C-alpha cells in the first residue's frame, strides 16, 4: 500500500463518492475504484458500504481513516520540517500572466515566507505560451494558466478561481450609439457589439482567440481599433472612447474606481474559464505543494465574491 493509496481512500471518505473524489483528484473513476478494491483486499476488510446518500465508512473504515489522516498529517509535517533543514537556499520559480503576479502571487509569497523564510521566490510575468514552454523545459516550477492548456497530460494542476469576460466602455459611449445598457441593464447581447470598435490583445493570446471565436460563431461584424497586451492601457483607451475593451470579472474589481468606465456582462456569449496552478507531474516537492496550497487558501472565496 502506497501513501498515494491512503490519500485516495481519505478523499473517498471526504466526498462520500468515488465519482466526486476521482473528479477532485483528477484521475479516472475506474482507477480510483481499483485502488479501493486493492486496499480492501490487502487489509482483508471492507472500508465502505453503499447507502442512498453515498458511501459510508464501515467500523473498520472509520478506524483506517483515523489512522490514515494522522499518518498524512505526520508526513506533511515531516516533509515541511525536512525542507527547512536544507543547508543550501532553495528557489521556487513561479510564472503568471499580467496582473496576477501582483494580485495573487505576491501576497501568497508573503504568507509562504512565514513558513519558509529561507526559500527564495522568483516571480516572473510571462505570457501563456511562455509559461507553457517554461514548464516543459523545467525553467518554471509553478505556472498560473487557464484551462485548457497544451500538453495537459504531462502536468498536474489545481483549480484556483473562475473568470468571466466583461466589456469595459466609456460611460457615454453606448448613449452615442443609442444602446441602452449600463445602469439600466446588467448584461448585454453579443449583437450589441456589432460594428463597434474593439480593443484586443495580440492574436496569440487565448482570451482574444475565444472572444473572436464567439463573434465569428454568432456572425457579428466588428472593427479593431487598437491592440495592446497591457490591461491598463486598454482601459485608458476605452475611457478615451477609442473602442470597447475586455476585462475579466476578477480583474475588474481592482480597477472599478480608477477609470470612468461602465463594466457590463455578456454571460451567455463571452467566454468563461478556470485559472489553475500547474506543475510537472514529476516535480512535486513539499515546498512547491505548500505554495500551491497557500494559493488555494488565498483564492478560496474569490468565486463567491467574498475576497473583493
C-alpha atoms as a PDB file:
ATOM      1  CA  UNK A   1       0.000   0.000   0.000  1.00  0.00           C
ATOM      2  CA  UNK A   2       1.446   3.348  -1.065  1.00  0.00           C
ATOM      3  CA  UNK A   3       0.975   6.737   0.554  1.00  0.00           C
ATOM      4  CA  UNK A   4      -0.918   7.829  -2.553  1.00  0.00           C
ATOM      5  CA  UNK A   5      -3.419   4.986  -1.999  1.00  0.00           C
ATOM      6  CA  UNK A   6      -4.013   6.199   1.551  1.00  0.00           C
ATOM      7  CA  UNK A   7      -4.641   9.743   0.282  1.00  0.00           C
ATOM      8  CA  UNK A   8      -7.148   8.373  -2.220  1.00  0.00           C
ATOM      9  CA  UNK A   9      -9.092   6.488   0.476  1.00  0.00           C
ATOM     10  CA  UNK A  10      -9.263   9.626   2.637  1.00  0.00           C
ATOM     11  CA  UNK A  11     -10.565  11.566  -0.370  1.00  0.00           C
ATOM     12  CA  UNK A  12     -13.341   8.993  -0.950  1.00  0.00           C
ATOM     13  CA  UNK A  13     -14.358   9.422   2.683  1.00  0.00           C
ATOM     14  CA  UNK A  14     -14.340  13.220   2.281  1.00  0.00           C
ATOM     15  CA  UNK A  15     -16.731  13.226  -0.681  1.00  0.00           C
ATOM     16  CA  UNK A  16     -18.696  10.021   0.114  1.00  0.00           C
ATOM     17  CA  UNK A  17     -18.430   9.283  -3.591  1.00  0.00           C
ATOM     18  CA  UNK A  18     -15.854   7.613  -5.803  1.00  0.00           C
ATOM     19  CA  UNK A  19     -17.038   9.706  -8.758  1.00  0.00           C
ATOM     20  CA  UNK A  20     -16.634  13.027  -6.953  1.00  0.00           C
ATOM     21  CA  UNK A  21     -13.349  12.014  -5.333  1.00  0.00           C
ATOM     22  CA  UNK A  22     -11.936  10.961  -8.714  1.00  0.00           C
ATOM     23  CA  UNK A  23     -13.004  14.295 -10.176  1.00  0.00           C
ATOM     24  CA  UNK A  24     -11.288  16.257  -7.399  1.00  0.00           C
ATOM     25  CA  UNK A  25      -8.160  14.091  -7.687  1.00  0.00           C
ATOM     26  CA  UNK A  26      -8.124  14.433 -11.499  1.00  0.00           C
ATOM     27  CA  UNK A  27      -7.913  10.684 -12.050  1.00  0.00           C
ATOM     28  CA  UNK A  28     -10.283   8.306 -13.894  1.00  0.00           C
ATOM     29  CA  UNK A  29     -13.065   6.805 -11.764  1.00  0.00           C
ATOM     30  CA  UNK A  30     -12.097   3.187 -12.644  1.00  0.00           C
ATOM     31  CA  UNK A  31      -8.557   3.876 -11.400  1.00  0.00           C
ATOM     32  CA  UNK A  32      -9.865   5.043  -8.037  1.00  0.00           C
ATOM     33  CA  UNK A  33     -12.273   2.094  -7.799  1.00  0.00           C
ATOM     34  CA  UNK A  34      -9.377  -0.296  -8.411  1.00  0.00           C
ATOM     35  CA  UNK A  35      -7.293   1.384  -5.708  1.00  0.00           C
ATOM     36  CA  UNK A  36     -10.125   0.927  -3.203  1.00  0.00           C
ATOM     37  CA  UNK A  37     -10.545  -2.745  -4.141  1.00  0.00           C
ATOM     38  CA  UNK A  38      -6.801  -3.363  -3.868  1.00  0.00           C
ATOM     39  CA  UNK A  39      -6.538  -1.740  -0.441  1.00  0.00           C
ATOM     40  CA  UNK A  40      -9.592  -3.600   0.880  1.00  0.00           C
ATOM     41  CA  UNK A  41      -8.150  -6.884  -0.417  1.00  0.00           C
ATOM     42  CA  UNK A  42      -4.792  -6.151   1.186  1.00  0.00           C
ATOM     43  CA  UNK A  43      -6.429  -5.320   4.516  1.00  0.00           C
ATOM     44  CA  UNK A  44      -8.989  -8.102   4.317  1.00  0.00           C
ATOM     45  CA  UNK A  45     -11.621  -5.574   5.389  1.00  0.00           C
ATOM     46  CA  UNK A  46     -14.422  -3.628   3.714  1.00  0.00           C
ATOM     47  CA  UNK A  47     -13.883   0.089   4.265  1.00  0.00           C
ATOM     48  CA  UNK A  48     -17.128   1.451   2.794  1.00  0.00           C
ATOM     49  CA  UNK A  49     -20.748   0.462   2.366  1.00  0.00           C
ATOM     50  CA  UNK A  50     -23.113   1.941  -0.217  1.00  0.00           C
ATOM     51  CA  UNK A  51     -26.162   3.867   1.030  1.00  0.00           C
ATOM     52  CA  UNK A  52     -28.773   6.075  -0.635  1.00  0.00           C
ATOM     53  CA  UNK A  53     -26.829   9.132   0.497  1.00  0.00           C
ATOM     54  CA  UNK A  54     -23.485   7.843  -0.785  1.00  0.00           C
ATOM     55  CA  UNK A  55     -20.583   5.787   0.524  1.00  0.00           C
ATOM     56  CA  UNK A  56     -20.341   5.423   4.301  1.00  0.00           C
ATOM     57  CA  UNK A  57     -17.429   4.129   6.342  1.00  0.00           C
ATOM     58  CA  UNK A  58     -17.656   0.744   7.984  1.00  0.00           C
ATOM     59  CA  UNK A  59     -16.337   0.357  11.519  1.00  0.00           C
ATOM     60  CA  UNK A  60     -13.045  -0.854  10.054  1.00  0.00           C
ATOM     61  CA  UNK A  61     -13.109   2.015   7.563  1.00  0.00           C
ATOM     62  CA  UNK A  62     -13.570   4.589  10.317  1.00  0.00           C
ATOM     63  CA  UNK A  63     -10.574   3.226  12.193  1.00  0.00           C
ATOM     64  CA  UNK A  64      -8.493   3.109   8.996  1.00  0.00           C
ATOM     65  CA  UNK A  65      -9.304   6.709   8.021  1.00  0.00           C
ATOM     66  CA  UNK A  66      -8.499   7.994  11.518  1.00  0.00           C
ATOM     67  CA  UNK A  67      -5.046   6.433  11.342  1.00  0.00           C
ATOM     68  CA  UNK A  68      -4.635   7.485   7.701  1.00  0.00           C
ATOM     69  CA  UNK A  69      -5.333  11.147   8.491  1.00  0.00           C
ATOM     70  CA  UNK A  70      -2.812  11.045  11.337  1.00  0.00           C
ATOM     71  CA  UNK A  71      -0.253   9.437   9.019  1.00  0.00           C
ATOM     72  CA  UNK A  72      -0.811  12.025   6.271  1.00  0.00           C
ATOM     73  CA  UNK A  73      -0.546  14.894   8.753  1.00  0.00           C
ATOM     74  CA  UNK A  74       2.693  13.433  10.095  1.00  0.00           C
ATOM     75  CA  UNK A  75       4.014  13.020   6.540  1.00  0.00           C
ATOM     76  CA  UNK A  76       3.241  16.667   5.717  1.00  0.00           C
ATOM     77  CA  UNK A  77       4.943  17.796   8.916  1.00  0.00           C
ATOM     78  CA  UNK A  78       7.981  15.637   8.207  1.00  0.00           C
ATOM     79  CA  UNK A  79       8.312  16.952   4.645  1.00  0.00           C
ATOM     80  CA  UNK A  80       7.973  20.556   5.786  1.00  0.00           C
ATOM     81  CA  UNK A  81      10.481  20.205   8.601  1.00  0.00           C
ATOM     82  CA  UNK A  82      13.000  18.343   6.466  1.00  0.00           C
ATOM     83  CA  UNK A  83      12.751  21.049   3.812  1.00  0.00           C
ATOM     84  CA  UNK A  84      13.627  23.668   6.410  1.00  0.00           C
ATOM     85  CA  UNK A  85      16.799  21.762   7.375  1.00  0.00           C
ATOM     86  CA  UNK A  86      18.361  22.217   3.957  1.00  0.00           C
ATOM     87  CA  UNK A  87      21.865  23.686   4.171  1.00  0.00           C
ATOM     88  CA  UNK A  88      21.561  25.373   0.795  1.00  0.00           C
ATOM     89  CA  UNK A  89      18.934  28.008  -0.075  1.00  0.00           C
ATOM     90  CA  UNK A  90      16.069  26.847  -2.235  1.00  0.00           C
ATOM     91  CA  UNK A  91      14.395  28.777  -5.016  1.00  0.00           C
ATOM     92  CA  UNK A  92      10.854  28.353  -6.263  1.00  0.00           C
ATOM     93  CA  UNK A  93      10.084  29.816  -9.692  1.00  0.00           C
ATOM     94  CA  UNK A  94       6.544  30.994 -10.337  1.00  0.00           C
ATOM     95  CA  UNK A  95       5.257  32.458 -13.602  1.00  0.00           C
ATOM     96  CA  UNK A  96       1.956  34.236 -14.015  1.00  0.00           C
ATOM     97  CA  UNK A  97       0.281  36.328 -16.721  1.00  0.00           C
ATOM     98  CA  UNK A  98      -0.499  40.002 -16.368  1.00  0.00           C
ATOM     99  CA  UNK A  99      -1.859  41.321 -13.096  1.00  0.00           C
ATOM    100  CA  UNK A 100      -1.857  38.048 -11.147  1.00  0.00           C
ATOM    101  CA  UNK A 101       1.824  38.493 -10.288  1.00  0.00           C
ATOM    102  CA  UNK A 102       0.872  41.417  -8.041  1.00  0.00           C
ATOM    103  CA  UNK A 103      -2.671  40.438  -7.077  1.00  0.00           C
ATOM    104  CA  UNK A 104      -2.129  36.723  -6.396  1.00  0.00           C
ATOM    105  CA  UNK A 105       1.490  35.537  -6.392  1.00  0.00           C
ATOM    106  CA  UNK A 106       2.954  38.427  -4.380  1.00  0.00           C
ATOM    107  CA  UNK A 107       0.511  38.287  -1.409  1.00  0.00           C
ATOM    108  CA  UNK A 108       0.714  34.480  -1.363  1.00  0.00           C
ATOM    109  CA  UNK A 109       4.510  34.763  -1.262  1.00  0.00           C
ATOM    110  CA  UNK A 110       4.211  36.945   1.845  1.00  0.00           C
ATOM    111  CA  UNK A 111       2.204  34.203   3.597  1.00  0.00           C
ATOM    112  CA  UNK A 112       4.520  31.488   2.290  1.00  0.00           C
ATOM    113  CA  UNK A 113       7.566  33.204   3.843  1.00  0.00           C
ATOM    114  CA  UNK A 114       6.066  32.768   7.307  1.00  0.00           C
ATOM    115  CA  UNK A 115       6.611  29.002   6.968  1.00  0.00           C
ATOM    116  CA  UNK A 116       9.597  29.015   4.586  1.00  0.00           C
ATOM    117  CA  UNK A 117      11.711  32.105   5.371  1.00  0.00           C
ATOM    118  CA  UNK A 118      14.827  30.600   3.753  1.00  0.00           C
ATOM    119  CA  UNK A 119      13.222  29.916   0.379  1.00  0.00           C
ATOM    120  CA  UNK A 120      13.694  32.499  -2.362  1.00  0.00           C
ATOM    121  CA  UNK A 121      10.654  33.045  -4.591  1.00  0.00           C
ATOM    122  CA  UNK A 122      11.356  34.089  -8.176  1.00  0.00           C
ATOM    123  CA  UNK A 123       8.197  35.744  -9.561  1.00  0.00           C
ATOM    124  CA  UNK A 124       8.056  36.075 -13.349  1.00  0.00           C
ATOM    125  CA  UNK A 125       5.436  37.798 -15.511  1.00  0.00           C
ATOM    126  CA  UNK A 126       5.016  35.827 -18.731  1.00  0.00           C
ATOM    127  CA  UNK A 127       2.529  35.137 -21.493  1.00  0.00           C
ATOM    128  CA  UNK A 128       0.580  31.879 -21.602  1.00  0.00           C
ATOM    129  CA  UNK A 129       2.853  30.480 -24.326  1.00  0.00           C
ATOM    130  CA  UNK A 130       5.977  31.423 -22.351  1.00  0.00           C
ATOM    131  CA  UNK A 131       4.622  29.776 -19.191  1.00  0.00           C
ATOM    132  CA  UNK A 132       3.786  26.558 -21.034  1.00  0.00           C
ATOM    133  CA  UNK A 133       7.267  26.459 -22.596  1.00  0.00           C
ATOM    134  CA  UNK A 134       8.935  27.228 -19.264  1.00  0.00           C
ATOM    135  CA  UNK A 135       7.082  24.385 -17.555  1.00  0.00           C
ATOM    136  CA  UNK A 136       8.062  21.921 -20.286  1.00  0.00           C
ATOM    137  CA  UNK A 137      11.729  22.956 -20.059  1.00  0.00           C
ATOM    138  CA  UNK A 138      11.781  22.871 -16.224  1.00  0.00           C
ATOM    139  CA  UNK A 139      12.502  26.606 -16.150  1.00  0.00           C
ATOM    140  CA  UNK A 140       9.361  27.214 -14.074  1.00  0.00           C
ATOM    141  CA  UNK A 141       8.131  25.275 -11.031  1.00  0.00           C
ATOM    142  CA  UNK A 142       4.567  26.644 -10.929  1.00  0.00           C
ATOM    143  CA  UNK A 143       2.628  28.326 -13.723  1.00  0.00           C
ATOM    144  CA  UNK A 144      -0.697  30.155 -13.473  1.00  0.00           C
ATOM    145  CA  UNK A 145      -2.706  29.199 -16.564  1.00  0.00           C
ATOM    146  CA  UNK A 146      -6.264  28.999 -17.784  1.00  0.00           C
ATOM    147  CA  UNK A 147      -7.892  25.744 -18.825  1.00  0.00           C
ATOM    148  CA  UNK A 148      -7.397  24.202 -21.268  1.00  0.00           C
ATOM    149  CA  UNK A 149      -3.652  24.464 -21.881  1.00  0.00           C
ATOM    150  CA  UNK A 150      -1.243  22.493 -24.067  1.00  0.00           C
ATOM    151  CA  UNK A 151       0.144  19.097 -23.016  1.00  0.00           C
ATOM    152  CA  UNK A 152      -2.297  18.756 -20.106  1.00  0.00           C
ATOM    153  CA  UNK A 153      -1.416  15.061 -19.728  1.00  0.00           C
ATOM    154  CA  UNK A 154       2.164  15.991 -18.761  1.00  0.00           C
ATOM    155  CA  UNK A 155       1.153  18.202 -15.851  1.00  0.00           C
ATOM    156  CA  UNK A 156      -0.792  18.240 -12.606  1.00  0.00           C
ATOM    157  CA  UNK A 157      -2.989  21.248 -11.960  1.00  0.00           C
ATOM    158  CA  UNK A 158      -5.132  22.556  -9.109  1.00  0.00           C
ATOM    159  CA  UNK A 159      -8.140  24.898  -9.586  1.00  0.00           C
ATOM    160  CA  UNK A 160      -7.780  28.410  -8.159  1.00  0.00           C
ATOM    161  CA  UNK A 161     -10.705  30.515  -9.412  1.00  0.00           C
ATOM    162  CA  UNK A 162     -13.087  31.078 -12.335  1.00  0.00           C
ATOM    163  CA  UNK A 163     -13.125  34.106 -14.624  1.00  0.00           C
ATOM    164  CA  UNK A 164     -15.846  35.575 -16.845  1.00  0.00           C
ATOM    165  CA  UNK A 165     -15.116  38.130 -19.555  1.00  0.00           C
ATOM    166  CA  UNK A 166     -16.897  41.501 -19.334  1.00  0.00           C
ATOM    167  CA  UNK A 167     -16.790  44.539 -21.591  1.00  0.00           C
ATOM    168  CA  UNK A 168     -15.454  47.922 -20.442  1.00  0.00           C
ATOM    169  CA  UNK A 169     -16.837  51.032 -22.161  1.00  0.00           C
ATOM    170  CA  UNK A 170     -16.685  54.786 -21.621  1.00  0.00           C
ATOM    171  CA  UNK A 171     -19.733  55.933 -19.665  1.00  0.00           C
ATOM    172  CA  UNK A 172     -21.223  57.901 -22.582  1.00  0.00           C
ATOM    173  CA  UNK A 173     -20.106  55.519 -25.312  1.00  0.00           C
ATOM    174  CA  UNK A 174     -23.298  53.493 -25.558  1.00  0.00           C
ATOM    175  CA  UNK A 175     -25.579  56.539 -25.436  1.00  0.00           C
ATOM    176  CA  UNK A 176     -23.877  57.866 -28.563  1.00  0.00           C
ATOM    177  CA  UNK A 177     -24.807  54.649 -30.336  1.00  0.00           C
ATOM    178  CA  UNK A 178     -28.337  54.572 -28.866  1.00  0.00           C
ATOM    179  CA  UNK A 179     -27.755  51.312 -26.982  1.00  0.00           C
ATOM    180  CA  UNK A 180     -29.320  51.286 -23.514  1.00  0.00           C
ATOM    181  CA  UNK A 181     -27.050  49.410 -21.133  1.00  0.00           C
ATOM    182  CA  UNK A 182     -25.019  50.232 -18.045  1.00  0.00           C
ATOM    183  CA  UNK A 183     -27.113  51.405 -15.106  1.00  0.00           C
ATOM    184  CA  UNK A 184     -30.321  50.148 -16.769  1.00  0.00           C
ATOM    185  CA  UNK A 185     -29.006  46.759 -17.788  1.00  0.00           C
ATOM    186  CA  UNK A 186     -26.678  44.265 -16.095  1.00  0.00           C
ATOM    187  CA  UNK A 187     -25.805  42.289 -19.213  1.00  0.00           C
ATOM    188  CA  UNK A 188     -25.962  42.616 -22.981  1.00  0.00           C
ATOM    189  CA  UNK A 189     -26.460  40.542 -26.075  1.00  0.00           C
ATOM    190  CA  UNK A 190     -23.409  39.847 -28.187  1.00  0.00           C
ATOM    191  CA  UNK A 191     -25.240  41.610 -31.014  1.00  0.00           C
ATOM    192  CA  UNK A 192     -24.680  44.917 -29.183  1.00  0.00           C
ATOM    193  CA  UNK A 193     -21.025  44.644 -30.254  1.00  0.00           C
ATOM    194  CA  UNK A 194     -21.958  44.628 -33.937  1.00  0.00           C
ATOM    195  CA  UNK A 195     -19.871  47.096 -35.994  1.00  0.00           C
ATOM    196  CA  UNK A 196     -18.246  48.563 -32.877  1.00  0.00           C
ATOM    197  CA  UNK A 197     -14.548  49.296 -32.462  1.00  0.00           C
ATOM    198  CA  UNK A 198     -12.867  46.715 -30.220  1.00  0.00           C
ATOM    199  CA  UNK A 199      -9.579  46.816 -28.298  1.00  0.00           C
ATOM    200  CA  UNK A 200      -7.805  43.454 -28.421  1.00  0.00           C
ATOM    201  CA  UNK A 201      -4.631  41.774 -27.204  1.00  0.00           C
ATOM    202  CA  UNK A 202      -2.206  40.109 -29.631  1.00  0.00           C
ATOM    203  CA  UNK A 203      -3.812  37.350 -31.754  1.00  0.00           C
ATOM    204  CA  UNK A 204      -1.969  34.520 -29.944  1.00  0.00           C
ATOM    205  CA  UNK A 205      -3.489  35.398 -26.555  1.00  0.00           C
ATOM    206  CA  UNK A 206      -6.130  32.778 -25.545  1.00  0.00           C
ATOM    207  CA  UNK A 207      -8.684  35.387 -24.435  1.00  0.00           C
ATOM    208  CA  UNK A 208      -8.662  37.126 -27.803  1.00  0.00           C
ATOM    209  CA  UNK A 209      -8.990  33.813 -29.630  1.00  0.00           C
ATOM    210  CA  UNK A 210     -12.021  32.904 -27.511  1.00  0.00           C
ATOM    211  CA  UNK A 211     -13.704  36.293 -27.977  1.00  0.00           C
ATOM    212  CA  UNK A 212     -13.163  36.311 -31.740  1.00  0.00           C
ATOM    213  CA  UNK A 213     -14.469  32.753 -31.979  1.00  0.00           C
ATOM    214  CA  UNK A 214     -17.659  33.792 -30.148  1.00  0.00           C
ATOM    215  CA  UNK A 215     -18.097  36.764 -32.501  1.00  0.00           C
ATOM    216  CA  UNK A 216     -17.445  34.602 -35.564  1.00  0.00           C
ATOM    217  CA  UNK A 217     -19.838  31.853 -34.467  1.00  0.00           C
ATOM    218  CA  UNK A 218     -22.574  34.453 -33.992  1.00  0.00           C
ATOM    219  CA  UNK A 219     -21.702  36.240 -37.262  1.00  0.00           C
ATOM    220  CA  UNK A 220     -21.048  39.563 -35.550  1.00  0.00           C
ATOM    221  CA  UNK A 221     -19.040  42.031 -37.684  1.00  0.00           C
ATOM    222  CA  UNK A 222     -16.635  44.288 -35.789  1.00  0.00           C
ATOM    223  CA  UNK A 223     -13.628  46.594 -36.190  1.00  0.00           C
ATOM    224  CA  UNK A 224     -10.303  46.501 -34.322  1.00  0.00           C
ATOM    225  CA  UNK A 225      -9.250  49.979 -33.192  1.00  0.00           C
ATOM    226  CA  UNK A 226      -6.207  49.091 -31.068  1.00  0.00           C
ATOM    227  CA  UNK A 227      -4.062  46.138 -29.984  1.00  0.00           C
ATOM    228  CA  UNK A 228      -2.260  46.006 -26.623  1.00  0.00           C
ATOM    229  CA  UNK A 229      -1.297  43.320 -24.121  1.00  0.00           C
ATOM    230  CA  UNK A 230      -1.330  45.861 -21.287  1.00  0.00           C
ATOM    231  CA  UNK A 231      -4.666  45.750 -19.471  1.00  0.00           C
ATOM    232  CA  UNK A 232      -4.432  49.247 -18.008  1.00  0.00           C
ATOM    233  CA  UNK A 233      -3.570  50.673 -21.425  1.00  0.00           C
ATOM    234  CA  UNK A 234      -6.698  49.065 -22.870  1.00  0.00           C
ATOM    235  CA  UNK A 235      -8.816  50.611 -20.095  1.00  0.00           C
ATOM    236  CA  UNK A 236      -7.358  54.072 -20.750  1.00  0.00           C
ATOM    237  CA  UNK A 237      -8.133  53.647 -24.457  1.00  0.00           C
ATOM    238  CA  UNK A 238     -11.696  52.594 -23.634  1.00  0.00           C
ATOM    239  CA  UNK A 239     -12.106  55.584 -21.322  1.00  0.00           C
ATOM    240  CA  UNK A 240     -10.955  57.865 -24.182  1.00  0.00           C
ATOM    241  CA  UNK A 241     -13.592  56.230 -26.443  1.00  0.00           C
ATOM    242  CA  UNK A 242     -11.054  54.606 -28.753  1.00  0.00           C
ATOM    243  CA  UNK A 243     -13.089  51.417 -28.522  1.00  0.00           C
ATOM    244  CA  UNK A 244     -14.515  48.710 -26.282  1.00  0.00           C
ATOM    245  CA  UNK A 245     -12.083  46.838 -24.027  1.00  0.00           C
ATOM    246  CA  UNK A 246     -12.400  43.390 -22.476  1.00  0.00           C
ATOM    247  CA  UNK A 247     -11.670  42.566 -18.839  1.00  0.00           C
ATOM    248  CA  UNK A 248     -12.409  39.632 -16.536  1.00  0.00           C
ATOM    249  CA  UNK A 249     -14.802  39.988 -13.622  1.00  0.00           C
ATOM    250  CA  UNK A 250     -11.936  39.353 -11.174  1.00  0.00           C
ATOM    251  CA  UNK A 251      -9.667  41.962 -12.787  1.00  0.00           C
ATOM    252  CA  UNK A 252     -12.486  44.493 -12.921  1.00  0.00           C
ATOM    253  CA  UNK A 253     -12.732  44.645  -9.141  1.00  0.00           C
ATOM    254  CA  UNK A 254      -9.235  46.127  -8.929  1.00  0.00           C
ATOM    255  CA  UNK A 255      -9.914  48.903 -11.458  1.00  0.00           C
ATOM    256  CA  UNK A 256     -13.573  49.773 -10.921  1.00  0.00           C
ATOM    257  CA  UNK A 257     -12.824  53.100  -9.184  1.00  0.00           C
ATOM    258  CA  UNK A 258      -9.825  54.111 -11.296  1.00  0.00           C
ATOM    259  CA  UNK A 259     -11.475  54.820 -14.643  1.00  0.00           C
ATOM    260  CA  UNK A 260     -14.700  56.448 -15.834  1.00  0.00           C
ATOM    261  CA  UNK A 261     -15.958  53.211 -17.352  1.00  0.00           C
ATOM    262  CA  UNK A 262     -19.048  51.049 -17.316  1.00  0.00           C
ATOM    263  CA  UNK A 263     -18.483  47.294 -16.926  1.00  0.00           C
ATOM    264  CA  UNK A 264     -21.142  45.064 -18.463  1.00  0.00           C
ATOM    265  CA  UNK A 265     -21.584  41.294 -18.552  1.00  0.00           C
ATOM    266  CA  UNK A 266     -22.367  39.204 -21.609  1.00  0.00           C
ATOM    267  CA  UNK A 267     -22.733  35.979 -19.655  1.00  0.00           C
ATOM    268  CA  UNK A 268     -24.311  33.836 -22.346  1.00  0.00           C
ATOM    269  CA  UNK A 269     -21.918  34.812 -25.091  1.00  0.00           C
ATOM    270  CA  UNK A 270     -18.422  35.779 -23.984  1.00  0.00           C
ATOM    271  CA  UNK A 271     -16.038  33.105 -22.694  1.00  0.00           C
ATOM    272  CA  UNK A 272     -15.583  31.796 -19.169  1.00  0.00           C
ATOM    273  CA  UNK A 273     -12.618  29.776 -17.968  1.00  0.00           C
ATOM    274  CA  UNK A 274     -10.896  28.392 -14.899  1.00  0.00           C
ATOM    275  CA  UNK A 275      -7.479  29.573 -13.698  1.00  0.00           C
ATOM    276  CA  UNK A 276      -5.271  26.809 -12.311  1.00  0.00           C
ATOM    277  CA  UNK A 277      -1.853  26.305 -10.717  1.00  0.00           C
ATOM    278  CA  UNK A 278       0.197  23.975 -12.944  1.00  0.00           C
ATOM    279  CA  UNK A 279       3.289  21.885 -12.208  1.00  0.00           C
ATOM    280  CA  UNK A 280       5.041  18.944 -13.832  1.00  0.00           C
ATOM    281  CA  UNK A 281       3.859  15.562 -12.557  1.00  0.00           C
ATOM    282  CA  UNK A 282       7.371  14.577 -11.509  1.00  0.00           C
ATOM    283  CA  UNK A 283       8.143  17.896  -9.820  1.00  0.00           C
ATOM    284  CA  UNK A 284       6.084  17.506  -6.645  1.00  0.00           C
ATOM    285  CA  UNK A 285       8.020  18.691  -3.594  1.00  0.00           C
ATOM    286  CA  UNK A 286       6.918  19.821  -0.150  1.00  0.00           C
ATOM    287  CA  UNK A 287       7.857  23.416  -0.984  1.00  0.00           C
ATOM    288  CA  UNK A 288       6.007  23.555  -4.306  1.00  0.00           C
ATOM    289  CA  UNK A 289       2.939  21.808  -2.893  1.00  0.00           C
ATOM    290  CA  UNK A 290       2.923  24.164   0.101  1.00  0.00           C
ATOM    291  CA  UNK A 291       2.987  27.223  -2.151  1.00  0.00           C
ATOM    292  CA  UNK A 292       0.084  25.886  -4.194  1.00  0.00           C
ATOM    293  CA  UNK A 293      -1.896  25.204  -1.003  1.00  0.00           C
ATOM    294  CA  UNK A 294      -1.288  28.825   0.022  1.00  0.00           C
ATOM    295  CA  UNK A 295      -2.691  29.949  -3.340  1.00  0.00           C
ATOM    296  CA  UNK A 296      -5.744  27.738  -2.884  1.00  0.00           C
ATOM    297  CA  UNK A 297      -6.362  29.220   0.557  1.00  0.00           C
ATOM    298  CA  UNK A 298      -5.861  32.783  -0.704  1.00  0.00           C
ATOM    299  CA  UNK A 299      -8.356  32.382  -3.574  1.00  0.00           C
ATOM    300  CA  UNK A 300     -10.864  30.246  -1.655  1.00  0.00           C
ATOM    301  CA  UNK A 301     -13.545  32.959  -1.527  1.00  0.00           C
ATOM    302  CA  UNK A 302     -12.964  34.590  -4.896  1.00  0.00           C
ATOM    303  CA  UNK A 303     -15.735  32.847  -6.830  1.00  0.00           C
ATOM    304  CA  UNK A 304     -18.310  33.829  -4.198  1.00  0.00           C
ATOM    305  CA  UNK A 305     -17.046  37.404  -4.270  1.00  0.00           C
ATOM    306  CA  UNK A 306     -16.054  37.432  -0.590  1.00  0.00           C
ATOM    307  CA  UNK A 307     -12.452  38.423  -1.430  1.00  0.00           C
ATOM    308  CA  UNK A 308     -13.422  41.715  -3.019  1.00  0.00           C
END
